[in-house]
Structure formats: C-alpha cells, structure tokens
Amino acid sequence: MFLGDNSPRPVPQQRHCISLDELLSLRHWPPARSPSRQRMAIREGHHLSHIRGRGMEYDDVREYQPGDDIRHLDWRLMARTGEAHTKLYREERERPVFVLADLRSPMSFATQGHYKSVLACYAAAMTIWTTLANGDRIGGQILGAKGEQLFRPSSNRQQVMAMMAALAHESSLTQGSNLAQEGNAAVDAQETATVPLSLSDVLATAERTITSGTLLYIFSDFHDVDDSVQQHLMRLAQRCELKLVLISDPLEEKLPHGRRYRFLGSGRELLVDADQHQQQRYHQQFQARIQLLERLRNLRGVEFAHWQTNQHPLFRSPLMKETV
C-alpha cells in the first residue's frame, strides 16, 4: 500500500504477538537505495523539499529581481517574451520519517487473521528499516497500554534497536493480555487503574515534536478518533506528509445477523446479541470513523488506507486463505 515493494515478506509465527527476532529479520527486506543519488553532506538528502533555491531540480520561473544570478536567467523565455526571468530550483534535503504505532489494548484483537497490533508492529518495523536503508533519520512514538515511548528522529542504530525492542515488548504485553482473557492470569490492579492515553493527547505531543517536512506514518484502529484528532491531523498536514493506515477487524465493521458473541477480558464478560437496529447503528458508527479520516484525503500530502486483519498488503498466510 504505502510500502511499495512486492517482494516476499516473512509472516509472523503467531497471530497475537510478534517477537524481537522476527522484527529484526525484516531488516533484510528493504530494497537497497539507488547509488545514483549519493548523499553529499549530512544535511542533504535525495528528497525534494518545498523550499525553493539553488539545487539540481528545475521547479519554476519568476520575474528577474535585482541581485539574481545571471547564470540562472531563462534565456529562451526572455527571447519569447522580451522580459527577464530567473529559473528557480527545488533543493534536495533530508526528509525525517516518524512512525506512530498504536498498540493500545483495543489493538489486541482479531476474529480473523492476525491481531491489529501485530500488523501495526510489522508495518512500523518495515517502515523503520526501509528509512534506515535510505539513509534518512527515523523516529517515532510507540503508544502502549501503560503510556507512550518517544524516539526523536535519528539515524543511530542503537535507537532503532530500542524502537524494535519497544515494539516487541508491547506485543508481548498483548500476549499476556490474551492469556488473561482466557482466565490463565490475574488482572494487574495497577494496570487497571492506569488511564490510557487518547489519540488526541498523542497527536498533541507529535505536533510539538515533529519538524516541518517530516513524513509521518500512523498505524492505528483510530477507535477514539474525534473532532479533536481531526484538528491535530489537519495542523500536522500543513507542514508534514501524512500516511494514515486504519487497521480494523471485519467484526468491527459489521455484526453478523443472528449470531451471539461472548467476549472475555479485564475480568469482565460481555455477551453481544444485537438486533437489526443495533447492527445498523453499529455499522454507521464505523462508517463515520472511516468518513472522518477520508475527509483528510483532500488535504495536500495526505494519504489514507484501510487494512483489515484478514485482508491487507503486508503478507499472505494460511490465516488469510479462506478470506482472500
């Protein structure tokens, strides 16, 4: 979808969690960067910036102004119009990449395919390794059940390893949550008392942290998206390139008619037996979430994709054979 390569990728060994070794193995997947555009200095890059100046890529022309370098005059245009114009070039600059991986408790769920949290970890790791291979700085926010971990953009491999470890750790917490749901572990009282961060709070932090020109990936189910989240994203879109990936399970979009569902978790049991009216309202709530995010697609530099746990572009696996 956004990752841009059709080569085979490994599949997580388990549907509900992913190990550090699996995340590290993904470093062999990113394609090598083309040697034709070598980095000449630490602050230069192979991405076109929105800052116009001297560079290698022709961008536009404007009327000649006193002090302009005559070497950049557009002689052909001047011959046609009789007026002097100066060529403008778009500078090549480094583009930091920032990954926001939502691994809060609602992401620890799937009725088909892999858990939403596994897909988010997998996609975040692939983005991190690809960015590092391209020579760009990578940073991120990993949002878990007990809080968030912030990594400022850097090309330091030790930080990349720390990000991978954080992703794997949050995934292991997902596994512990899964066991608790089955009654094989007690619910931790301190964890229960912890107030989870909202996506709005996390994006507020991102606004203060992320610099202009950053490429921002967000992998989440956006279960708590609201007008506040939309406002944060609109402000980020004014100075960043946004790639939003909504990850959902088919059951979140539509409840099958005439079937009862029993859910266990956090010491509670929930029985769902929805009638037609409730099913329709449930579906409308999910569609409202989709539409709110799709409206952002009209903004410059914003892309939106919707992945489902049983149908997504990351990998093919036996878990998906019946639904793909």
Protein backbone atom coordinates (compact mmCIF):
# COMPACT_ATOMS: atom_id res chain seq x y z
CA MET A 1 0.00 0.00 0.00
CA PHE A 2 2.44 2.63 1.21
CA LEU A 3 5.44 0.34 1.47
CA GLY A 4 5.92 -0.02 -2.25
CA ASP A 5 7.55 -3.41 -2.75
CA ASN A 6 6.10 -6.72 -3.97
CA SER A 7 8.92 -8.99 -2.82
CA PRO A 8 8.00 -11.84 -0.43
CA ARG A 9 7.98 -10.96 3.24
CA PRO A 10 8.12 -13.26 6.26
CA VAL A 11 4.91 -13.99 8.12
CA PRO A 12 4.68 -13.68 11.94
CA GLN A 13 4.83 -17.07 13.62
CA GLN A 14 1.88 -16.27 15.88
CA ARG A 15 -1.27 -14.34 15.19
CA HIS A 16 -1.42 -12.48 18.52
CA CYS A 17 2.19 -11.32 19.02
CA ILE A 18 5.48 -10.84 17.20
CA SER A 19 8.96 -11.43 18.61
CA LEU A 20 12.03 -9.19 18.52
CA ASP A 21 13.84 -11.70 16.31
CA GLU A 22 11.04 -11.50 13.76
CA LEU A 23 11.16 -7.71 13.73
CA LEU A 24 14.94 -7.78 13.32
CA SER A 25 14.65 -10.21 10.40
CA LEU A 26 12.72 -7.57 8.48
CA ARG A 27 15.92 -5.55 8.08
CA HIS A 28 16.78 -7.86 5.16
CA TRP A 29 13.60 -6.91 3.33
CA PRO A 30 14.06 -3.21 2.36
CA PRO A 31 15.41 -2.73 -1.17
CA ALA A 32 18.82 -1.12 -1.43
CA ARG A 33 18.87 2.55 -2.19
CA SER A 34 19.85 3.54 -5.70
CA PRO A 35 23.55 4.53 -5.81
CA SER A 36 22.83 7.17 -8.47
CA ARG A 37 21.87 9.79 -5.87
CA GLN A 38 24.60 9.77 -3.24
CA ARG A 39 24.33 11.95 -0.17
CA MET A 40 26.90 14.76 -0.30
CA ALA A 41 26.54 16.13 3.22
CA ILE A 42 24.86 15.17 6.46
CA ARG A 43 22.00 17.64 5.99
CA GLU A 44 21.42 16.88 2.32
CA GLY A 45 19.15 14.17 1.02
CA HIS A 46 17.50 12.69 -2.04
CA HIS A 47 14.01 14.09 -1.40
CA LEU A 48 12.71 17.28 -2.97
CA SER A 49 11.93 19.95 -0.39
CA HIS A 50 9.29 22.64 -0.64
CA ILE A 51 11.99 25.27 -0.20
CA ARG A 52 12.94 26.85 -3.49
CA GLY A 53 16.53 27.82 -4.09
CA ARG A 54 19.66 26.58 -5.81
CA GLY A 55 19.68 22.88 -6.48
CA MET A 56 19.54 20.27 -9.23
CA GLU A 57 15.79 20.02 -9.87
CA TYR A 58 14.14 22.72 -12.00
CA ASP A 59 10.92 23.95 -10.39
CA ASP A 60 9.58 27.25 -11.78
CA VAL A 61 10.45 30.73 -13.04
CA ARG A 62 9.75 34.22 -11.76
CA GLU A 63 10.45 37.73 -12.98
CA TYR A 64 14.06 38.83 -12.65
CA GLN A 65 14.85 40.73 -9.48
CA PRO A 66 17.96 42.84 -8.81
CA GLY A 67 20.65 40.66 -7.31
CA ASP A 68 19.60 37.43 -9.09
CA ASP A 69 22.44 35.38 -10.51
CA ILE A 70 22.51 35.95 -14.29
CA ARG A 71 23.60 32.32 -14.75
CA HIS A 72 20.06 31.30 -13.85
CA LEU A 73 18.28 33.53 -16.35
CA ASP A 74 15.83 31.72 -18.61
CA TRP A 75 17.17 32.95 -21.96
CA ARG A 76 14.59 31.11 -24.06
CA LEU A 77 11.68 32.62 -22.15
CA MET A 78 13.32 36.04 -22.34
CA ALA A 79 13.66 35.66 -26.12
CA ARG A 80 9.96 34.87 -26.42
CA THR A 81 8.59 37.49 -24.05
CA GLY A 82 11.24 40.18 -24.09
CA GLU A 83 11.30 40.17 -20.28
CA ALA A 84 13.95 38.71 -17.99
CA HIS A 85 13.00 35.70 -15.86
CA THR A 86 15.02 33.74 -13.32
CA LYS A 87 14.90 29.95 -13.07
CA LEU A 88 14.04 28.51 -9.66
CA TYR A 89 15.24 25.16 -8.42
CA ARG A 90 13.92 22.89 -5.70
CA GLU A 91 16.54 21.92 -3.17
CA GLU A 92 17.20 18.34 -2.22
CA ARG A 93 17.03 17.89 1.52
CA GLU A 94 16.86 15.15 4.07
CA ARG A 95 13.33 14.05 4.98
CA PRO A 96 12.93 12.71 8.51
CA VAL A 97 10.44 9.88 8.91
CA PHE A 98 8.27 9.46 12.00
CA VAL A 99 6.24 6.35 12.82
CA LEU A 100 3.33 6.38 15.26
CA ALA A 101 2.39 2.82 16.21
CA ASP A 102 -0.81 2.49 18.22
CA LEU A 103 -0.55 -0.64 20.39
CA ARG A 104 -3.19 0.18 23.00
CA SER A 105 -5.48 -2.57 24.26
CA PRO A 106 -8.18 -2.20 21.52
CA MET A 107 -5.45 -3.14 19.01
CA SER A 108 -5.07 -6.54 20.75
CA PHE A 109 -7.96 -8.02 18.83
CA ALA A 110 -8.82 -10.03 15.74
CA THR A 111 -11.53 -12.54 14.88
CA GLN A 112 -9.82 -13.30 11.56
CA GLY A 113 -6.17 -13.10 10.54
CA HIS A 114 -3.54 -11.51 12.77
CA TYR A 115 -4.12 -9.14 15.64
CA LYS A 116 -4.30 -5.48 14.71
CA SER A 117 -1.31 -4.86 16.99
CA VAL A 118 0.75 -7.43 15.07
CA LEU A 119 0.03 -5.67 11.78
CA ALA A 120 0.93 -2.30 13.32
CA CYS A 121 4.24 -3.66 14.69
CA TYR A 122 5.05 -5.35 11.40
CA ALA A 123 4.31 -2.25 9.29
CA ALA A 124 6.18 0.05 11.70
CA ALA A 125 9.27 -2.18 11.63
CA MET A 126 9.25 -2.38 7.83
CA THR A 127 8.99 1.42 7.63
CA ILE A 128 11.84 1.87 10.13
CA TRP A 129 14.21 -0.50 8.34
CA THR A 130 13.40 0.98 4.92
CA THR A 131 14.02 4.50 6.19
CA LEU A 132 17.36 3.49 7.68
CA ALA A 133 18.36 1.81 4.41
CA ASN A 134 17.53 5.02 2.54
CA GLY A 135 19.86 7.00 4.79
CA ASP A 136 17.13 9.12 6.39
CA ARG A 137 16.55 9.80 10.06
CA ILE A 138 13.81 7.77 11.74
CA GLY A 139 11.86 8.48 14.90
CA GLY A 140 8.54 7.51 16.36
CA GLN A 141 6.00 7.18 19.12
CA ILE A 142 5.01 3.77 20.39
CA LEU A 143 1.70 4.01 22.20
CA GLY A 144 1.07 1.12 24.57
CA ALA A 145 -1.27 0.10 27.34
CA LYS A 146 0.70 1.92 30.05
CA GLY A 147 1.82 5.02 28.18
CA GLU A 148 3.96 6.10 25.27
CA GLN A 149 7.62 5.96 24.31
CA LEU A 150 9.02 8.81 22.23
CA PHE A 151 12.03 8.49 19.94
CA ARG A 152 13.23 11.65 18.21
CA PRO A 153 14.35 11.26 14.57
CA SER A 154 17.88 9.88 14.37
CA SER A 155 20.00 7.62 12.18
CA ASN A 156 21.54 5.97 15.23
CA ARG A 157 21.21 2.18 15.01
CA GLN A 158 21.11 1.86 18.78
CA GLN A 159 17.92 3.90 18.79
CA VAL A 160 16.50 1.75 16.01
CA MET A 161 17.19 -1.33 18.13
CA ALA A 162 15.50 0.37 21.08
CA MET A 163 12.43 1.03 18.91
CA MET A 164 12.33 -2.61 17.80
CA ALA A 165 12.62 -3.76 21.41
CA ALA A 166 9.78 -1.43 22.42
CA LEU A 167 7.55 -2.81 19.65
CA ALA A 168 8.31 -6.39 20.67
CA HIS A 169 7.75 -5.58 24.35
CA GLU A 170 4.32 -4.10 23.70
CA SER A 171 3.50 -7.14 21.57
CA SER A 172 4.45 -9.42 24.47
CA LEU A 173 2.09 -7.44 26.68
CA THR A 174 -0.57 -8.22 24.10
CA GLN A 175 0.17 -11.92 24.59
CA GLY A 176 -0.18 -11.52 28.35
CA SER A 177 -3.49 -9.76 27.83
CA ASN A 178 -4.64 -12.65 25.67
CA LEU A 179 -3.84 -15.16 28.42
CA ALA A 180 -5.70 -13.05 30.95
CA GLN A 181 -8.75 -13.09 28.76
CA GLU A 182 -8.71 -16.88 28.88
CA GLY A 183 -8.55 -16.87 32.69
CA ASN A 184 -4.92 -18.07 32.91
CA ALA A 185 -3.60 -14.87 34.51
CA ALA A 186 -4.83 -12.39 37.10
CA VAL A 187 -5.64 -8.81 36.14
CA ASP A 188 -2.98 -6.43 37.39
CA ALA A 189 -4.66 -3.84 39.63
CA GLN A 190 -2.17 -1.13 38.88
CA GLU A 191 -2.58 -1.60 35.12
CA THR A 192 -6.35 -1.50 35.50
CA ALA A 193 -6.10 1.82 37.32
CA THR A 194 -3.93 3.36 34.60
CA VAL A 195 -5.81 5.88 32.49
CA PRO A 196 -4.95 5.15 28.83
CA LEU A 197 -3.74 7.97 26.65
CA SER A 198 -6.09 9.21 23.98
CA LEU A 199 -5.01 9.57 20.37
CA SER A 200 -5.68 13.30 20.70
CA ASP A 201 -3.13 13.54 23.53
CA VAL A 202 -0.54 11.62 21.50
CA LEU A 203 -1.01 13.81 18.42
CA ALA A 204 -0.65 16.92 20.58
CA THR A 205 2.78 15.61 21.61
CA ALA A 206 3.59 14.83 17.98
CA GLU A 207 2.74 18.40 16.98
CA ARG A 208 5.33 19.72 19.43
CA THR A 209 7.94 17.14 18.42
CA ILE A 210 7.73 16.71 14.66
CA THR A 211 9.54 19.20 12.45
CA SER A 212 8.32 20.57 9.13
CA GLY A 213 8.88 18.34 6.11
CA THR A 214 8.62 15.11 8.10
CA LEU A 215 6.96 12.03 6.60
CA LEU A 216 4.55 10.79 9.27
CA TYR A 217 3.07 7.27 9.30
CA ILE A 218 0.23 6.47 11.70
CA PHE A 219 -0.80 2.83 12.16
CA SER A 220 -3.92 2.61 14.34
CA ASP A 221 -7.51 1.47 14.52
CA PHE A 222 -8.45 5.10 15.30
CA HIS A 223 -11.13 3.82 17.70
CA ASP A 224 -11.15 7.15 19.57
CA VAL A 225 -10.91 9.45 16.56
CA ASP A 226 -12.96 12.62 17.04
CA ASP A 227 -13.02 16.27 16.00
CA SER A 228 -10.00 16.98 18.20
CA VAL A 229 -7.97 14.27 16.47
CA GLN A 230 -9.07 15.62 13.10
CA GLN A 231 -7.89 19.12 14.04
CA HIS A 232 -4.49 17.80 15.13
CA LEU A 233 -4.12 15.90 11.86
CA MET A 234 -5.11 18.94 9.80
CA ARG A 235 -2.45 21.05 11.52
CA LEU A 236 0.16 18.34 11.02
CA ALA A 237 -0.78 18.10 7.33
CA GLN A 238 0.08 21.77 6.88
CA ARG A 239 3.76 21.04 7.48
CA CYS A 240 4.15 17.27 7.12
CA GLU A 241 3.29 14.50 4.70
CA LEU A 242 0.76 12.17 6.34
CA LYS A 243 0.16 8.50 5.62
CA LEU A 244 -2.75 7.23 7.72
CA VAL A 245 -3.40 3.49 7.95
CA LEU A 246 -6.61 2.36 9.65
CA ILE A 247 -6.38 -1.27 10.80
CA SER A 248 -9.66 -2.98 11.65
CA ASP A 249 -11.21 -6.40 12.11
CA PRO A 250 -14.23 -7.41 9.97
CA LEU A 251 -16.34 -7.76 13.14
CA GLU A 252 -15.75 -4.08 13.92
CA GLU A 253 -17.46 -3.05 10.71
CA LYS A 254 -20.46 -5.35 10.79
CA LEU A 255 -22.03 -7.78 13.25
CA PRO A 256 -23.25 -10.95 11.53
CA HIS A 257 -27.00 -11.32 11.73
CA GLY A 258 -28.47 -13.91 14.09
CA ARG A 259 -25.25 -14.74 15.96
CA ARG A 260 -24.28 -14.21 19.58
CA TYR A 261 -20.76 -13.28 20.66
CA ARG A 262 -19.18 -13.77 24.06
CA PHE A 263 -16.10 -11.71 24.95
CA LEU A 264 -13.84 -12.12 27.98
CA GLY A 265 -11.25 -9.60 29.14
CA SER A 266 -10.08 -7.44 32.06
CA GLY A 267 -12.11 -9.55 34.46
CA ARG A 268 -15.36 -8.87 32.63
CA GLU A 269 -17.62 -10.85 30.35
CA LEU A 270 -19.65 -9.30 27.55
CA LEU A 271 -22.42 -11.02 25.62
CA VAL A 272 -23.39 -9.41 22.30
CA ASP A 273 -26.71 -10.37 20.74
CA ALA A 274 -27.61 -7.42 18.52
CA ASP A 275 -30.93 -6.94 16.78
CA GLN A 276 -31.22 -5.35 13.33
CA HIS A 277 -31.45 -1.79 14.67
CA GLN A 278 -28.36 -2.22 16.83
CA GLN A 279 -26.47 -3.78 13.94
CA GLN A 280 -27.31 -0.82 11.71
CA ARG A 281 -26.22 1.70 14.34
CA TYR A 282 -23.03 -0.26 14.93
CA HIS A 283 -22.22 -0.18 11.20
CA GLN A 284 -22.99 3.54 10.94
CA GLN A 285 -20.60 4.33 13.79
CA PHE A 286 -17.79 2.53 12.00
CA GLN A 287 -18.57 4.27 8.70
CA ALA A 288 -18.48 7.64 10.48
CA ARG A 289 -14.92 6.82 11.59
CA ILE A 290 -13.93 6.00 8.02
CA GLN A 291 -15.52 9.14 6.60
CA LEU A 292 -13.82 11.40 9.13
CA LEU A 293 -10.42 10.09 8.05
CA GLU A 294 -11.26 10.07 4.35
CA ARG A 295 -12.09 13.78 4.51
CA LEU A 296 -8.44 14.40 5.32
CA ARG A 297 -7.52 12.87 1.97
CA ASN A 298 -8.46 16.14 0.29
CA LEU A 299 -5.56 17.86 2.05
CA ARG A 300 -2.26 18.16 0.26
CA GLY A 301 0.22 15.40 1.13
CA VAL A 302 -2.29 13.16 2.95
CA GLU A 303 -2.89 9.51 2.04
CA PHE A 304 -5.35 7.18 3.72
CA ALA A 305 -5.59 3.39 3.58
CA HIS A 306 -7.86 0.89 5.30
CA TRP A 307 -6.42 -2.52 6.15
CA GLN A 308 -8.40 -5.40 7.60
CA THR A 309 -6.86 -8.16 9.68
CA ASN A 310 -7.83 -10.78 7.11
CA GLN A 311 -7.05 -8.67 4.01
CA HIS A 312 -4.02 -6.41 3.96
CA PRO A 313 -0.91 -5.83 1.78
CA LEU A 314 1.73 -6.93 4.29
CA PHE A 315 1.86 -10.68 3.74
CA ARG A 316 -0.11 -13.71 2.69
CA SER A 317 -0.53 -16.50 5.17
CA PRO A 318 -2.63 -19.61 5.87
CA LEU A 319 -4.72 -17.44 8.19
CA MET A 320 -5.91 -15.49 5.15
CA LYS A 321 -6.58 -18.29 2.66
CA GLU A 322 -10.29 -18.51 3.40
CA THR A 323 -10.96 -14.81 3.11
CA VAL A 324 -8.66 -13.57 0.36
